[in-house]
Amino acid sequence: MARILLSSFGSFGDLYPYLALGHELRRRGHAVTIATSNIYRDPVEAQGLAFHAVRPDISLDDREAIAYIVDARHGAERLLRYLASCARESYADFLAAAQHADILGTHPATYASVLVAQKLRRRWFSTVLAPLSLFSLCDAPVLAEAPWLARLSFLGPAFMRLLWSAGSRQTLRWMRPLLDLRAELGLGPGENPVFAGQHSPALVLALFSRYLATPQPDWPRQTVITGFLFHEHGELPRDLARFLDAGPAPVVFTLGSSAVGAAGDFYRRSLEAVQRLGVRAVFLTGSHPQGLPEVLPEDVFQVGYAPHALLFPRAAAIVHQGGIGTTAQAMRSGRPMLVVPFAFDQFDNGARARRLGVAQVLYRSRYNARRAAALLRRLTEEASYARAASSIGEQVRAESGSRCAADAVESLLRS
């Protein structure tokens, strides 16, 4: 038995893969602790896993803060500056959590956990949730700040390297408090914490499907693609189940657990698109008022949340923000999708789903009823999307992400 500490930060999409990995490791006899924001104490402990609170704490109900962070152009800078400003508090909390751990697992945004692993000289492995975090020059990602840059990838790796170098210098300025802490700890300059510095030299777990991204020559050599890790939980609300049973498969609209707090007019525009198409729909609107009419048409159902694993397979198509957790569930469901990215990795995830032939992408700035209805009509009426989505769904369902990731962690423990 090993004592394993897993770190996480962000939305539920950032938590669920670690719950899945923790559950599998616990099933194998290991003692697992998840260190993350205090709001996740209950779901962690409900899985029989130990919990350790790590600052900064967050609230998914703080619409003002979410709208500030979930921004295509400035979101990455705002998030990195915020996390760097909290580096000392985060480090202190991770350090306390790691005292008795045999091995540490880090999340792409828990920069202080890397400092703890290096300061304690503890074995550690890193994880990435989406291909974007591997920043390949050979498979140029679509960046939220400048999606058009991906079209310049034909200029080759040398040109992309110049762009990455400029981006690296910029992020170092944003992360100055974290770099100052690193120096005070006597750890030396190290690599850029946002780029190569986030990766463990021993093991990098890519917690996504190889159908979303294949290994690239400039990925860390110690990278293992595990497949998606799915945390199964919850049941369909009874009234939603009755609605699904009562008619044709609906179009499902969701913005995950973070972008839903910055939805703006997304749901109102979506209702107009549904009425143009004359189809049934399910809106997952979170805990926020979304400006929808108090009385909705009979063929539209609104609910705060429903388990994606149970709802998505019953959809005609899925409209979502492109977060990696939602994208994973949509791919597994075998249903076509319309991706409306808001920020961060969502632009890149959407582009990859489109390349697979299972999705269309409509940027948030262009999202309106007319365009959404036209793309949904195409997704639901052109047979190629259904065929591609069904094929990808079968392949993703055949993967065993939790088992593969746990095997890799145990292999590292034995070494």
Foldseek 3Di string as FASTA:
>chain_A
DFEEEEEFEDAVLGVFLVLLLCLVLVVVPYQYEYEYAPVCCVVSVVSVHHYFYADDHDDLQPLVVLLVQLALACNVLVLLLVLLVCLVRRLVRLLVVCPRGQEYEYELSSLSNLLNCQLVVHHYFYEYADPVQQCDLVQHFQGSNHNCVNVVSVVDSVVVVVVVVVVLVVSCVSNVSVQVVCVVSVNPRAGRSSYPVRGDLAAYEYQADVLLPPDDPSGRPRYDDFHHRGRDDDAFPPVVVVLLVPDAAAEEEDAGSRCLSVCAQVVVQVLLLCVVQVGAYEYQRAPDDNPDDPDHPPRYHYDNDDDLLVRLLSHQEYEYQQDSSNLLSNLLSLHAYEHAHRHDNSRRSQVSCVVLLQYHYDYPVRDGSVVVNVRSCCRNPPVSNSVSSNVSNVVSVPGDRSVRVNVSVVVSVVD
